[in-house]
Every structure is written in structure tokens, then in C-alpha cells.
Amino acid sequence: MEVLIGIVILAVGLLAVLGLQMTSIRGKIFSSSLTQASIHGQEGLENLKSLPLYKADGVTLDDPFTGGSHSQADMGSFKRQYQVVESTGYVTIRYTVSWVEKGVDHSTAFSVIKAR
């Protein structure tokens, strides 16, 4: 009887540790995705920040700073897009990276103000 009670207590303890391990693995997967999305977002925002607001000849047709929302090519499971809001003397760039993980939508966003 004592051995049976000991086995039951051990089984309950092992099940609790297994639950914690599964939660830890889920957290690690989400953390990895968030880190990759942050890297993509920071790289994209840095690329946009390095571009001039105006071209030398004044043409802005293909300029990313014409305002509005723009989508970029998908990178694996990540969707990237940025939005430019024009103001007098500066533009605000909001760069968003989104992804779907186990049927749940996630996103992370970065913003910067670039002076004219």
C-alpha cells in the first residue's frame, strides 16, 4: 500500500513537471518568433531611415515616403508592412511585422520620426 501511494505521488509530481516543460517550450517558440520579427522590423526601419526623403531631381513617384500604407514581400512566415504619415517638416514611419503562430495572429511594430 505504501509503495502504491508513493507511485501515485511520484506520478502527480512528474505530470506537473511535464506541464511546466510544455509551457516552457511554447514560451521558447514564441520568444524565438518575436526575436526574429523584431530583427526584421529593425532592419526594415533602418533601411527606410537611410533613404533620402526627396530624390535629387524632386521626383517622388517611387519614393517610399509618399505617404500611405505599403506592403513588402513576405519573409517566410512574417508579413512586413510600413505606413508613412506626412507632417510639416517631418514624416512618421511605422513599421509592422506580423505572423501567425498556431492559429493566433501576432505582430510587433516600430516607429520613428524622420525630419525633412
Protein backbone atom coordinates (compact mmCIF):
# COMPACT_ATOMS: atom_id res chain seq x y z
CA MET A 1 0.00 0.00 0.00
CA GLU A 2 2.82 2.43 0.86
CA VAL A 3 4.52 1.70 -2.46
CA LEU A 4 1.26 2.37 -4.34
CA ILE A 5 0.81 5.73 -2.57
CA GLY A 6 4.43 6.58 -3.32
CA ILE A 7 3.95 5.79 -7.02
CA VAL A 8 0.80 7.96 -7.17
CA ILE A 9 2.62 10.90 -5.54
CA LEU A 10 5.55 10.44 -7.95
CA ALA A 11 3.19 10.31 -10.95
CA VAL A 12 1.44 13.53 -9.88
CA GLY A 13 4.81 15.24 -9.47
CA LEU A 14 6.04 14.05 -12.86
CA LEU A 15 2.83 15.26 -14.56
CA ALA A 16 3.30 18.70 -13.00
CA VAL A 17 6.90 18.86 -14.26
CA LEU A 18 5.74 17.75 -17.73
CA GLY A 19 3.16 20.57 -17.80
CA LEU A 20 5.82 23.11 -16.87
CA GLN A 21 8.12 21.76 -19.58
CA MET A 22 5.42 22.09 -22.25
CA THR A 23 4.71 25.67 -21.16
CA SER A 24 8.42 26.42 -21.33
CA ILE A 25 8.67 25.04 -24.88
CA ARG A 26 5.68 27.13 -26.03
CA GLY A 27 7.28 30.22 -24.50
CA LYS A 28 10.58 29.49 -26.23
CA ILE A 29 8.89 29.14 -29.63
CA PHE A 30 7.01 32.43 -29.19
CA SER A 31 10.15 34.16 -27.95
CA SER A 32 12.11 32.96 -30.97
CA SER A 33 9.41 34.21 -33.36
CA LEU A 34 9.24 37.57 -31.58
CA THR A 35 13.02 37.94 -31.75
CA GLN A 36 13.06 37.20 -35.49
CA ALA A 37 10.16 39.60 -36.10
CA SER A 38 11.98 42.31 -34.13
CA ILE A 39 15.14 41.79 -36.19
CA HIS A 40 13.16 42.03 -39.47
CA GLY A 41 11.37 45.13 -38.20
CA GLN A 42 14.52 46.90 -37.07
CA GLU A 43 16.32 46.09 -40.33
CA GLY A 44 13.40 47.33 -42.42
CA LEU A 45 13.07 50.50 -40.40
CA GLU A 46 16.81 51.17 -40.63
CA ASN A 47 16.65 50.71 -44.42
CA LEU A 48 13.80 53.22 -44.66
CA LYS A 49 15.57 55.67 -42.35
CA SER A 50 18.67 55.59 -44.56
CA LEU A 51 16.73 56.68 -47.67
CA PRO A 52 16.54 60.38 -48.53
CA LEU A 53 13.13 61.97 -48.11
CA TYR A 54 13.42 63.62 -51.52
CA LYS A 55 15.25 62.49 -54.61
CA ALA A 56 17.80 64.87 -56.09
CA ASP A 57 15.52 65.73 -59.05
CA GLY A 58 12.44 66.10 -56.85
CA VAL A 59 10.65 63.07 -58.31
CA THR A 60 8.84 61.11 -55.61
CA LEU A 61 6.76 58.63 -57.62
CA ASP A 62 8.59 55.52 -56.40
CA ASP A 63 9.72 57.15 -53.18
CA PRO A 64 8.70 55.18 -50.06
CA PHE A 65 7.89 58.46 -48.29
CA THR A 66 4.86 59.37 -50.39
CA GLY A 67 2.53 58.54 -47.51
CA GLY A 68 0.02 55.76 -47.07
CA SER A 69 0.48 52.09 -46.26
CA HIS A 70 2.90 49.81 -48.14
CA SER A 71 3.36 46.04 -48.02
CA GLN A 72 6.67 44.34 -48.66
CA ALA A 73 7.43 40.82 -49.83
CA ASP A 74 6.80 38.12 -47.26
CA MET A 75 9.80 36.69 -45.43
CA GLY A 76 8.89 33.12 -44.62
CA SER A 77 6.05 33.27 -42.12
CA PHE A 78 6.46 37.02 -41.50
CA LYS A 79 4.44 39.72 -43.25
CA ARG A 80 6.02 43.17 -43.27
CA GLN A 81 4.39 46.49 -43.97
CA TYR A 82 5.03 50.10 -43.21
CA GLN A 83 2.95 53.23 -43.04
CA VAL A 84 4.17 56.75 -43.65
CA VAL A 85 2.34 59.73 -42.18
CA GLU A 86 3.47 63.05 -43.61
CA SER A 87 3.53 66.19 -41.49
CA THR A 88 5.02 69.62 -41.94
CA GLY A 89 8.77 69.23 -41.68
CA TYR A 90 8.85 65.52 -40.86
CA VAL A 91 7.39 62.09 -41.58
CA THR A 92 6.43 59.39 -39.11
CA ILE A 93 7.26 55.85 -40.23
CA ARG A 94 5.52 52.91 -38.54
CA TYR A 95 6.95 49.51 -39.50
CA THR A 96 4.90 46.44 -38.54
CA VAL A 97 5.88 42.77 -38.73
CA SER A 98 3.11 40.21 -38.24
CA TRP A 99 2.97 36.43 -38.16
CA VAL A 100 0.57 33.61 -37.32
CA GLU A 101 1.55 31.03 -34.75
CA LYS A 102 -0.77 28.09 -34.05
CA GLY A 103 -3.74 29.99 -35.49
CA VAL A 104 -3.12 33.11 -33.39
CA ASP A 105 -2.15 36.43 -35.03
CA HIS A 106 0.82 38.26 -33.52
CA SER A 107 2.54 41.48 -34.50
CA THR A 108 5.22 43.88 -33.38
CA ALA A 109 5.61 47.48 -34.51
CA PHE A 110 8.37 50.08 -34.57
CA SER A 111 8.01 53.82 -35.13
CA VAL A 112 10.43 56.58 -35.97
CA ILE A 113 10.18 60.26 -36.90
CA LYS A 114 12.40 61.43 -39.77
CA ALA A 115 12.92 65.15 -40.24
CA ARG A 116 12.83 66.73 -43.69
